[in-house]
Amino acid sequence: MSEENFRVRNEGGMWIRKEPVVNEETKIVHLSNGQRVTKLGDSTNPDWWRVRASVQGTDVEGFSKKTLLAPDSGSGNAGTGSVASLLTKILAAINHLSPSAKSNYLQAIRDGGPQFESHGITTSLRMAHFMAQAMAETGGFKVLRESMFYNVPQMLIIFGVGHHSAKVTASEAPSLAHDEHRLAERVYGAGNPSKAHELGNTEPGDGFRYRGNGVLQMTGRKAHRLAGQANGLDFEGNPDLATLPENALKPALKEWADGNLNHFADQNDIRTITLRINGGLNGFEARKTFFAELLPRLNS
């Protein structure tokens, strides 16, 4: 039989299982409501199908109940069904809110339908939360790599005592002002051993080399290595690969999936999403503002 495309139609999502039996041992991977699934054939149980779905860029095959699936008539790089509509609306919203957004990001979003589908970002609420975080992290999609070019007052607000684990003091700040490499090493590298260990920064210069990068400002050697391994790319060896249009969404979607952030988006819990992405509440008001602007445009 020819393969047919469906989408998960169940608010609680759906499991792909090793066999057409419901128990803990048969679970392989959980798919979110709205995610695209390909029917491969029937099974020994008339209520189940053999299926395939792409999860974080990897094809997963198994069995699922056919009653949890509905036909999906769309196809193509833009994404199917509602996702194509969401992308059209989000691109229009970004153009309105941030007309100077980088072309790298715009192209990644324009071609990102299959990636959003495979990560279950298929509803207005999930897309608005994802994009609000991305726009806050990148200054409205205008920042590819984190700038460490700070004057003294800015530095103390972001990285000073009581604001960041680096605890940059007023006396040392002048020597770090407007020096990206030194400040990055002080904040993310040898000058902040606990943070360097957390980020996996082990070599001199890692603080700057692995400073915030891309859609969700992936930070640290470890994050670059793991995101690269997950996507078959050498982000650790070449961090600039992470902002190419064909790759830009991949680290961000991995971080989103690893944090189970669709779950918190469904609960409209922007605070928890921010904490899991940012590690704190930096720029929280901006994130809420972007979300408040985006959701009505996606629901229009």
C-alpha atoms as a PDB file:
ATOM      1  CA  MET A   1       0.000   0.000   0.000  1.00  0.00           C
ATOM      2  CA  SER A   2       1.125   3.583  -0.505  1.00  0.00           C
ATOM      3  CA  GLU A   3       2.063   5.575   2.594  1.00  0.00           C
ATOM      4  CA  GLU A   4      -0.572   7.965   3.980  1.00  0.00           C
ATOM      5  CA  ASN A   5      -0.040  11.007   6.186  1.00  0.00           C
ATOM      6  CA  PHE A   6      -2.017  11.697   9.357  1.00  0.00           C
ATOM      7  CA  ARG A   7      -1.800  13.982  12.352  1.00  0.00           C
ATOM      8  CA  VAL A   8      -2.237  13.138  16.035  1.00  0.00           C
ATOM      9  CA  ARG A   9      -5.729  14.176  17.083  1.00  0.00           C
ATOM     10  CA  ASN A  10      -5.738  13.738  20.856  1.00  0.00           C
ATOM     11  CA  GLU A  11      -5.229  16.482  23.442  1.00  0.00           C
ATOM     12  CA  GLY A  12      -2.993  14.216  25.502  1.00  0.00           C
ATOM     13  CA  GLY A  13      -0.888  13.204  22.508  1.00  0.00           C
ATOM     14  CA  MET A  14      -0.137   9.602  21.525  1.00  0.00           C
ATOM     15  CA  TRP A  15       2.500   6.932  22.096  1.00  0.00           C
ATOM     16  CA  ILE A  16       4.292   5.039  19.376  1.00  0.00           C
ATOM     17  CA  ARG A  17       4.698   1.547  20.805  1.00  0.00           C
ATOM     18  CA  LYS A  18       6.836  -1.530  20.117  1.00  0.00           C
ATOM     19  CA  GLU A  19       3.695  -3.613  19.564  1.00  0.00           C
ATOM     20  CA  PRO A  20      -0.080  -2.985  19.543  1.00  0.00           C
ATOM     21  CA  VAL A  21      -0.392  -3.383  23.305  1.00  0.00           C
ATOM     22  CA  VAL A  22      -0.863  -0.669  25.944  1.00  0.00           C
ATOM     23  CA  ASN A  23       1.566  -1.008  28.849  1.00  0.00           C
ATOM     24  CA  GLU A  24       4.756   0.650  30.133  1.00  0.00           C
ATOM     25  CA  GLU A  25       7.057  -1.810  28.392  1.00  0.00           C
ATOM     26  CA  THR A  26       5.719  -1.083  24.891  1.00  0.00           C
ATOM     27  CA  LYS A  27       6.268   2.703  24.995  1.00  0.00           C
ATOM     28  CA  ILE A  28       8.824   4.059  22.509  1.00  0.00           C
ATOM     29  CA  VAL A  29       8.157   7.784  22.116  1.00  0.00           C
ATOM     30  CA  HIS A  30       5.339  10.187  22.940  1.00  0.00           C
ATOM     31  CA  LEU A  31       3.978  12.398  20.150  1.00  0.00           C
ATOM     32  CA  SER A  32       2.264  15.729  20.798  1.00  0.00           C
ATOM     33  CA  ASN A  33      -1.213  16.619  19.608  1.00  0.00           C
ATOM     34  CA  GLY A  34      -0.999  17.830  16.013  1.00  0.00           C
ATOM     35  CA  GLN A  35       2.246  16.044  15.157  1.00  0.00           C
ATOM     36  CA  ARG A  36       2.508  14.483  11.728  1.00  0.00           C
ATOM     37  CA  VAL A  37       2.508  10.653  11.417  1.00  0.00           C
ATOM     38  CA  THR A  38       2.903   8.412   8.392  1.00  0.00           C
ATOM     39  CA  LYS A  39       0.851   5.210   8.188  1.00  0.00           C
ATOM     40  CA  LEU A  40       3.020   2.329   6.987  1.00  0.00           C
ATOM     41  CA  GLY A  41       0.411  -0.404   7.061  1.00  0.00           C
ATOM     42  CA  ASP A  42      -2.076  -2.368   9.136  1.00  0.00           C
ATOM     43  CA  SER A  43      -1.259  -4.581  12.101  1.00  0.00           C
ATOM     44  CA  THR A  44      -2.503  -7.810  13.627  1.00  0.00           C
ATOM     45  CA  ASN A  45      -4.898  -5.711  15.717  1.00  0.00           C
ATOM     46  CA  PRO A  46      -7.561  -4.057  13.516  1.00  0.00           C
ATOM     47  CA  ASP A  47      -7.601  -0.972  15.780  1.00  0.00           C
ATOM     48  CA  TRP A  48      -3.884  -0.306  15.327  1.00  0.00           C
ATOM     49  CA  TRP A  49      -1.564   0.745  12.475  1.00  0.00           C
ATOM     50  CA  ARG A  50       2.131   0.494  11.850  1.00  0.00           C
ATOM     51  CA  VAL A  51       3.351   4.106  11.770  1.00  0.00           C
ATOM     52  CA  ARG A  52       6.427   6.302  11.435  1.00  0.00           C
ATOM     53  CA  ALA A  53       7.077   9.792  12.826  1.00  0.00           C
ATOM     54  CA  SER A  54      10.057  12.122  12.823  1.00  0.00           C
ATOM     55  CA  VAL A  55      11.117  13.039  16.361  1.00  0.00           C
ATOM     56  CA  GLN A  56      13.942  15.544  16.789  1.00  0.00           C
ATOM     57  CA  GLY A  57      15.136  14.706  13.292  1.00  0.00           C
ATOM     58  CA  THR A  58      15.081  10.918  13.783  1.00  0.00           C
ATOM     59  CA  ASP A  59      12.513   8.576  12.218  1.00  0.00           C
ATOM     60  CA  VAL A  60      10.774   6.356  14.757  1.00  0.00           C
ATOM     61  CA  GLU A  61       8.635   3.378  13.701  1.00  0.00           C
ATOM     62  CA  GLY A  62       6.157   1.335  15.711  1.00  0.00           C
ATOM     63  CA  PHE A  63       2.435   0.927  16.350  1.00  0.00           C
ATOM     64  CA  SER A  64      -0.300   3.373  17.351  1.00  0.00           C
ATOM     65  CA  LYS A  65      -4.075   3.350  17.704  1.00  0.00           C
ATOM     66  CA  LYS A  66      -5.710   4.589  14.515  1.00  0.00           C
ATOM     67  CA  THR A  67      -8.520   6.245  16.492  1.00  0.00           C
ATOM     68  CA  LEU A  68      -5.987   8.841  17.687  1.00  0.00           C
ATOM     69  CA  LEU A  69      -5.121   9.909  14.135  1.00  0.00           C
ATOM     70  CA  ALA A  70      -6.846  12.097  11.552  1.00  0.00           C
ATOM     71  CA  PRO A  71      -6.004  12.565   7.852  1.00  0.00           C
ATOM     72  CA  ASP A  72      -3.470  15.245   6.961  1.00  0.00           C
ATOM     73  CA  SER A  73      -3.857  16.540   3.440  1.00  0.00           C
ATOM     74  CA  GLY A  74      -0.909  18.936   3.236  1.00  0.00           C
ATOM     75  CA  SER A  75       2.757  18.482   2.332  1.00  0.00           C
ATOM     76  CA  GLY A  76       5.867  20.397   1.390  1.00  0.00           C
ATOM     77  CA  ASN A  77       8.692  22.364   3.042  1.00  0.00           C
ATOM     78  CA  ALA A  78       6.430  24.991   4.544  1.00  0.00           C
ATOM     79  CA  GLY A  79       4.755  22.407   6.745  1.00  0.00           C
ATOM     80  CA  THR A  80       1.342  20.881   6.582  1.00  0.00           C
ATOM     81  CA  GLY A  81      -2.101  22.118   7.443  1.00  0.00           C
ATOM     82  CA  SER A  82      -2.196  24.440  10.400  1.00  0.00           C
ATOM     83  CA  VAL A  83       1.598  24.675  10.605  1.00  0.00           C
ATOM     84  CA  ALA A  84       1.825  26.319   7.177  1.00  0.00           C
ATOM     85  CA  SER A  85      -0.765  28.852   8.305  1.00  0.00           C
ATOM     86  CA  LEU A  86       1.111  29.458  11.569  1.00  0.00           C
ATOM     87  CA  LEU A  87       4.358  30.100   9.706  1.00  0.00           C
ATOM     88  CA  THR A  88       2.716  32.577   7.345  1.00  0.00           C
ATOM     89  CA  LYS A  89       1.272  34.443  10.313  1.00  0.00           C
ATOM     90  CA  ILE A  90       4.443  34.348  12.409  1.00  0.00           C
ATOM     91  CA  LEU A  91       6.581  35.664   9.570  1.00  0.00           C
ATOM     92  CA  ALA A  92       4.145  38.541   9.082  1.00  0.00           C
ATOM     93  CA  ALA A  93       4.250  39.223  12.829  1.00  0.00           C
ATOM     94  CA  ILE A  94       8.051  39.225  12.927  1.00  0.00           C
ATOM     95  CA  ASN A  95       8.167  41.583   9.956  1.00  0.00           C
ATOM     96  CA  HIS A  96       5.833  43.955  11.828  1.00  0.00           C
ATOM     97  CA  LEU A  97       7.516  43.731  15.234  1.00  0.00           C
ATOM     98  CA  SER A  98      11.122  43.498  14.063  1.00  0.00           C
ATOM     99  CA  PRO A  99      11.544  44.686  10.456  1.00  0.00           C
ATOM    100  CA  SER A 100      15.350  44.362  10.726  1.00  0.00           C
ATOM    101  CA  ALA A 101      15.302  40.672  11.651  1.00  0.00           C
ATOM    102  CA  LYS A 102      18.245  38.701  10.230  1.00  0.00           C
ATOM    103  CA  SER A 103      17.587  36.855   6.988  1.00  0.00           C
ATOM    104  CA  ASN A 104      19.201  33.711   8.482  1.00  0.00           C
ATOM    105  CA  TYR A 105      16.399  33.419  10.992  1.00  0.00           C
ATOM    106  CA  LEU A 106      13.620  34.351   8.598  1.00  0.00           C
ATOM    107  CA  GLN A 107      14.717  31.707   6.101  1.00  0.00           C
ATOM    108  CA  ALA A 108      14.995  29.095   8.838  1.00  0.00           C
ATOM    109  CA  ILE A 109      11.442  29.801   9.969  1.00  0.00           C
ATOM    110  CA  ARG A 110      10.112  29.955   6.405  1.00  0.00           C
ATOM    111  CA  ASP A 111      11.497  26.454   5.690  1.00  0.00           C
ATOM    112  CA  GLY A 112      10.950  25.104   9.193  1.00  0.00           C
ATOM    113  CA  GLY A 113       7.540  23.478   8.915  1.00  0.00           C
ATOM    114  CA  PRO A 114       8.739  19.848   9.109  1.00  0.00           C
ATOM    115  CA  GLN A 115      10.967  20.662  12.086  1.00  0.00           C
ATOM    116  CA  PHE A 116       8.187  22.392  13.987  1.00  0.00           C
ATOM    117  CA  GLU A 117       5.883  19.464  13.227  1.00  0.00           C
ATOM    118  CA  SER A 118       8.366  16.848  14.417  1.00  0.00           C
ATOM    119  CA  HIS A 119       8.736  18.745  17.696  1.00  0.00           C
ATOM    120  CA  GLY A 120       4.998  19.190  18.156  1.00  0.00           C
ATOM    121  CA  ILE A 121       4.975  22.986  17.842  1.00  0.00           C
ATOM    122  CA  THR A 122       1.750  22.908  15.899  1.00  0.00           C
ATOM    123  CA  THR A 123      -0.615  25.158  17.846  1.00  0.00           C
ATOM    124  CA  SER A 124      -0.850  28.930  18.164  1.00  0.00           C
ATOM    125  CA  LEU A 125      -0.077  28.770  21.872  1.00  0.00           C
ATOM    126  CA  ARG A 126       3.058  26.676  21.477  1.00  0.00           C
ATOM    127  CA  MET A 127       4.318  28.704  18.531  1.00  0.00           C
ATOM    128  CA  ALA A 128       3.705  32.007  20.334  1.00  0.00           C
ATOM    129  CA  HIS A 129       5.642  30.812  23.382  1.00  0.00           C
ATOM    130  CA  PHE A 130       8.535  29.465  21.313  1.00  0.00           C
ATOM    131  CA  MET A 131       8.801  32.625  19.229  1.00  0.00           C
ATOM    132  CA  ALA A 132       8.431  34.953  22.226  1.00  0.00           C
ATOM    133  CA  GLN A 133      11.437  33.282  23.830  1.00  0.00           C
ATOM    134  CA  ALA A 134      13.400  33.334  20.583  1.00  0.00           C
ATOM    135  CA  MET A 135      12.663  36.992  19.923  1.00  0.00           C
ATOM    136  CA  ALA A 136      13.639  37.973  23.456  1.00  0.00           C
ATOM    137  CA  GLU A 137      16.875  35.975  23.290  1.00  0.00           C
ATOM    138  CA  THR A 138      17.876  37.439  19.926  1.00  0.00           C
ATOM    139  CA  GLY A 139      16.618  41.003  20.299  1.00  0.00           C
ATOM    140  CA  GLY A 140      13.872  40.439  17.772  1.00  0.00           C
ATOM    141  CA  PHE A 141      15.927  38.029  15.627  1.00  0.00           C
ATOM    142  CA  LYS A 142      18.616  40.681  15.155  1.00  0.00           C
ATOM    143  CA  VAL A 143      21.408  38.997  17.165  1.00  0.00           C
ATOM    144  CA  LEU A 144      23.265  35.943  15.861  1.00  0.00           C
ATOM    145  CA  ARG A 145      25.912  35.728  18.601  1.00  0.00           C
ATOM    146  CA  GLU A 146      25.765  37.162  22.108  1.00  0.00           C
ATOM    147  CA  SER A 147      27.466  40.532  22.395  1.00  0.00           C
ATOM    148  CA  MET A 148      29.800  40.836  25.368  1.00  0.00           C
ATOM    149  CA  PHE A 149      30.465  44.502  24.638  1.00  0.00           C
ATOM    150  CA  TYR A 150      29.262  46.144  27.871  1.00  0.00           C
ATOM    151  CA  ASN A 151      29.924  49.425  29.615  1.00  0.00           C
ATOM    152  CA  VAL A 152      30.358  49.371  33.393  1.00  0.00           C
ATOM    153  CA  PRO A 153      26.737  50.114  34.450  1.00  0.00           C
ATOM    154  CA  GLN A 154      25.295  47.542  32.026  1.00  0.00           C
ATOM    155  CA  MET A 155      27.843  44.941  33.106  1.00  0.00           C
ATOM    156  CA  LEU A 156      27.038  45.315  36.788  1.00  0.00           C
ATOM    157  CA  ILE A 157      23.294  44.998  36.133  1.00  0.00           C
ATOM    158  CA  ILE A 158      23.713  41.791  34.122  1.00  0.00           C
ATOM    159  CA  PHE A 159      26.786  40.134  35.630  1.00  0.00           C
ATOM    160  CA  GLY A 160      27.313  41.959  38.919  1.00  0.00           C
ATOM    161  CA  VAL A 161      27.066  40.822  42.525  1.00  0.00           C
ATOM    162  CA  GLY A 162      23.524  39.712  43.275  1.00  0.00           C
ATOM    163  CA  HIS A 163      22.642  39.364  39.580  1.00  0.00           C
ATOM    164  CA  HIS A 164      24.858  36.568  38.219  1.00  0.00           C
ATOM    165  CA  SER A 165      27.128  33.797  39.459  1.00  0.00           C
ATOM    166  CA  ALA A 166      30.109  35.702  38.023  1.00  0.00           C
ATOM    167  CA  LYS A 167      29.652  38.393  40.709  1.00  0.00           C
ATOM    168  CA  VAL A 168      31.589  41.009  38.790  1.00  0.00           C
ATOM    169  CA  THR A 169      32.556  43.772  41.212  1.00  0.00           C
ATOM    170  CA  ALA A 170      32.480  47.520  40.697  1.00  0.00           C
ATOM    171  CA  SER A 171      36.243  47.659  41.126  1.00  0.00           C
ATOM    172  CA  GLU A 172      37.037  45.139  38.379  1.00  0.00           C
ATOM    173  CA  ALA A 173      34.310  46.145  35.918  1.00  0.00           C
ATOM    174  CA  PRO A 174      36.283  49.018  34.287  1.00  0.00           C
ATOM    175  CA  SER A 175      39.022  46.606  33.213  1.00  0.00           C
ATOM    176  CA  LEU A 176      36.435  44.386  31.509  1.00  0.00           C
ATOM    177  CA  ALA A 177      34.358  47.111  29.854  1.00  0.00           C
ATOM    178  CA  HIS A 178      34.202  46.970  26.029  1.00  0.00           C
ATOM    179  CA  ASP A 179      36.452  43.885  25.951  1.00  0.00           C
ATOM    180  CA  GLU A 180      34.301  40.994  24.731  1.00  0.00           C
ATOM    181  CA  HIS A 181      36.922  38.279  25.041  1.00  0.00           C
ATOM    182  CA  ARG A 182      37.986  39.139  28.598  1.00  0.00           C
ATOM    183  CA  LEU A 183      34.435  39.590  29.844  1.00  0.00           C
ATOM    184  CA  ALA A 184      33.264  36.334  28.267  1.00  0.00           C
ATOM    185  CA  GLU A 185      36.145  34.463  29.900  1.00  0.00           C
ATOM    186  CA  ARG A 186      35.372  36.117  33.240  1.00  0.00           C
ATOM    187  CA  VAL A 187      31.675  35.235  33.046  1.00  0.00           C
ATOM    188  CA  TYR A 188      31.615  31.889  31.210  1.00  0.00           C
ATOM    189  CA  GLY A 189      35.204  30.669  31.435  1.00  0.00           C
ATOM    190  CA  ALA A 190      38.089  30.366  33.889  1.00  0.00           C
ATOM    191  CA  GLY A 191      37.039  33.546  35.697  1.00  0.00           C
ATOM    192  CA  ASN A 192      33.850  31.815  36.884  1.00  0.00           C
ATOM    193  CA  PRO A 193      34.830  28.166  37.557  1.00  0.00           C
ATOM    194  CA  SER A 194      31.392  26.924  38.642  1.00  0.00           C
ATOM    195  CA  LYS A 195      29.712  28.331  35.534  1.00  0.00           C
ATOM    196  CA  ALA A 196      32.536  27.072  33.301  1.00  0.00           C
ATOM    197  CA  HIS A 197      32.059  23.570  34.724  1.00  0.00           C
ATOM    198  CA  GLU A 198      28.291  23.774  34.214  1.00  0.00           C
ATOM    199  CA  LEU A 199      28.770  24.870  30.593  1.00  0.00           C
ATOM    200  CA  GLY A 200      31.549  22.393  29.841  1.00  0.00           C
ATOM    201  CA  ASN A 201      34.013  25.171  29.027  1.00  0.00           C
ATOM    202  CA  THR A 202      37.436  23.603  29.572  1.00  0.00           C
ATOM    203  CA  GLU A 203      39.875  25.466  27.327  1.00  0.00           C
ATOM    204  CA  PRO A 204      41.155  29.072  27.393  1.00  0.00           C
ATOM    205  CA  GLY A 205      38.888  31.159  25.164  1.00  0.00           C
ATOM    206  CA  ASP A 206      35.883  28.850  25.491  1.00  0.00           C
ATOM    207  CA  GLY A 207      33.916  31.589  27.240  1.00  0.00           C
ATOM    208  CA  PHE A 208      33.902  33.742  24.121  1.00  0.00           C
ATOM    209  CA  ARG A 209      33.946  30.936  21.577  1.00  0.00           C
ATOM    210  CA  TYR A 210      30.837  29.333  23.056  1.00  0.00           C
ATOM    211  CA  ARG A 211      28.987  32.480  24.137  1.00  0.00           C
ATOM    212  CA  GLY A 212      25.270  32.710  23.327  1.00  0.00           C
ATOM    213  CA  ASN A 213      24.600  31.406  19.845  1.00  0.00           C
ATOM    214  CA  GLY A 214      21.515  31.343  17.629  1.00  0.00           C
ATOM    215  CA  VAL A 215      17.755  31.220  18.112  1.00  0.00           C
ATOM    216  CA  LEU A 216      17.760  30.471  21.861  1.00  0.00           C
ATOM    217  CA  GLN A 217      21.342  31.644  22.434  1.00  0.00           C
ATOM    218  CA  MET A 218      22.815  28.190  23.089  1.00  0.00           C
ATOM    219  CA  THR A 219      25.734  28.731  25.482  1.00  0.00           C
ATOM    220  CA  GLY A 220      28.769  26.640  26.389  1.00  0.00           C
ATOM    221  CA  ARG A 221      30.937  23.961  24.815  1.00  0.00           C
ATOM    222  CA  LYS A 222      28.776  21.167  26.254  1.00  0.00           C
ATOM    223  CA  ALA A 223      25.528  22.527  24.776  1.00  0.00           C
ATOM    224  CA  HIS A 224      27.203  22.993  21.378  1.00  0.00           C
ATOM    225  CA  ARG A 225      28.547  19.445  21.465  1.00  0.00           C
ATOM    226  CA  LEU A 226      25.257  17.815  22.493  1.00  0.00           C
ATOM    227  CA  ALA A 227      23.170  19.809  20.007  1.00  0.00           C
ATOM    228  CA  GLY A 228      25.638  18.933  17.279  1.00  0.00           C
ATOM    229  CA  GLN A 229      25.597  15.241  18.137  1.00  0.00           C
ATOM    230  CA  ALA A 230      21.792  15.231  18.135  1.00  0.00           C
ATOM    231  CA  ASN A 231      21.710  16.727  14.655  1.00  0.00           C
ATOM    232  CA  GLY A 232      24.784  15.161  13.043  1.00  0.00           C
ATOM    233  CA  LEU A 233      26.607  18.516  12.911  1.00  0.00           C
ATOM    234  CA  ASP A 234      29.869  19.784  14.416  1.00  0.00           C
ATOM    235  CA  PHE A 235      28.632  22.811  16.357  1.00  0.00           C
ATOM    236  CA  GLU A 236      31.449  22.289  18.851  1.00  0.00           C
ATOM    237  CA  GLY A 237      34.140  22.469  16.166  1.00  0.00           C
ATOM    238  CA  ASN A 238      32.406  25.251  14.223  1.00  0.00           C
ATOM    239  CA  PRO A 239      29.868  27.253  16.279  1.00  0.00           C
ATOM    240  CA  ASP A 240      29.006  29.405  13.265  1.00  0.00           C
ATOM    241  CA  LEU A 241      27.198  26.420  11.723  1.00  0.00           C
ATOM    242  CA  ALA A 242      24.422  26.958  14.275  1.00  0.00           C
ATOM    243  CA  THR A 243      23.210  30.183  12.671  1.00  0.00           C
ATOM    244  CA  LEU A 244      23.087  29.006   9.063  1.00  0.00           C
ATOM    245  CA  PRO A 245      19.476  29.008   7.805  1.00  0.00           C
ATOM    246  CA  GLU A 246      19.401  25.239   7.329  1.00  0.00           C
ATOM    247  CA  ASN A 247      20.595  24.649  10.917  1.00  0.00           C
ATOM    248  CA  ALA A 248      19.332  27.597  12.943  1.00  0.00           C
ATOM    249  CA  LEU A 249      16.228  25.946  14.398  1.00  0.00           C
ATOM    250  CA  LYS A 250      17.895  22.661  15.306  1.00  0.00           C
ATOM    251  CA  PRO A 251      19.669  23.577  18.575  1.00  0.00           C
ATOM    252  CA  ALA A 252      16.675  25.616  19.749  1.00  0.00           C
ATOM    253  CA  LEU A 253      14.194  22.824  19.060  1.00  0.00           C
ATOM    254  CA  LYS A 254      16.417  20.319  20.851  1.00  0.00           C
ATOM    255  CA  GLU A 255      16.534  22.609  23.891  1.00  0.00           C
ATOM    256  CA  TRP A 256      12.755  23.061  23.690  1.00  0.00           C
ATOM    257  CA  ALA A 257      12.163  19.310  23.542  1.00  0.00           C
ATOM    258  CA  ASP A 258      14.714  18.514  26.268  1.00  0.00           C
ATOM    259  CA  GLY A 259      12.931  20.937  28.583  1.00  0.00           C
ATOM    260  CA  ASN A 260       9.491  19.449  27.818  1.00  0.00           C
ATOM    261  CA  LEU A 261       8.432  22.998  27.022  1.00  0.00           C
ATOM    262  CA  ASN A 262       5.379  22.108  24.936  1.00  0.00           C
ATOM    263  CA  HIS A 263       3.869  20.925  28.205  1.00  0.00           C
ATOM    264  CA  PHE A 264       4.439  24.301  29.870  1.00  0.00           C
ATOM    265  CA  ALA A 265       3.323  26.181  26.763  1.00  0.00           C
ATOM    266  CA  ASP A 266       0.029  24.273  26.886  1.00  0.00           C
ATOM    267  CA  GLN A 267      -0.316  25.461  30.494  1.00  0.00           C
ATOM    268  CA  ASN A 268       0.543  29.018  29.389  1.00  0.00           C
ATOM    269  CA  ASP A 269       3.380  28.972  31.929  1.00  0.00           C
ATOM    270  CA  ILE A 270       5.794  31.535  30.511  1.00  0.00           C
ATOM    271  CA  ARG A 271       7.682  31.803  33.789  1.00  0.00           C
ATOM    272  CA  THR A 272       8.778  28.162  33.825  1.00  0.00           C
ATOM    273  CA  ILE A 273       9.625  28.292  30.114  1.00  0.00           C
ATOM    274  CA  THR A 274      11.801  31.350  30.722  1.00  0.00           C
ATOM    275  CA  LEU A 275      13.582  29.748  33.676  1.00  0.00           C
ATOM    276  CA  ARG A 276      14.359  26.602  31.680  1.00  0.00           C
ATOM    277  CA  ILE A 277      15.681  28.525  28.686  1.00  0.00           C
ATOM    278  CA  ASN A 278      17.385  31.453  30.394  1.00  0.00           C
ATOM    279  CA  GLY A 279      18.365  29.929  33.713  1.00  0.00           C
ATOM    280  CA  GLY A 280      16.795  32.974  35.349  1.00  0.00           C
ATOM    281  CA  LEU A 281      14.279  35.675  34.555  1.00  0.00           C
ATOM    282  CA  ASN A 282      16.457  38.037  32.528  1.00  0.00           C
ATOM    283  CA  GLY A 283      14.307  39.900  30.032  1.00  0.00           C
ATOM    284  CA  PHE A 284      11.115  38.429  31.488  1.00  0.00           C
ATOM    285  CA  GLU A 285       9.040  41.510  30.713  1.00  0.00           C
ATOM    286  CA  ALA A 286      10.248  41.499  27.101  1.00  0.00           C
ATOM    287  CA  ARG A 287       9.283  37.839  26.769  1.00  0.00           C
ATOM    288  CA  LYS A 288       5.799  38.561  28.093  1.00  0.00           C
ATOM    289  CA  THR A 289       5.464  41.532  25.756  1.00  0.00           C
ATOM    290  CA  PHE A 290       6.488  39.539  22.691  1.00  0.00           C
ATOM    291  CA  PHE A 291       4.064  36.764  23.666  1.00  0.00           C
ATOM    292  CA  ALA A 292       1.205  39.239  24.120  1.00  0.00           C
ATOM    293  CA  GLU A 293       1.898  40.640  20.655  1.00  0.00           C
ATOM    294  CA  LEU A 294       2.293  37.282  18.922  1.00  0.00           C
ATOM    295  CA  LEU A 295      -0.574  35.147  20.214  1.00  0.00           C
ATOM    296  CA  PRO A 296      -3.432  37.351  18.907  1.00  0.00           C
ATOM    297  CA  ARG A 297      -1.746  37.540  15.505  1.00  0.00           C
ATOM    298  CA  LEU A 298      -1.459  33.749  15.349  1.00  0.00           C
ATOM    299  CA  ASN A 299      -5.064  33.330  16.422  1.00  0.00           C
ATOM    300  CA  SER A 300      -6.394  35.820  13.865  1.00  0.00           C
END
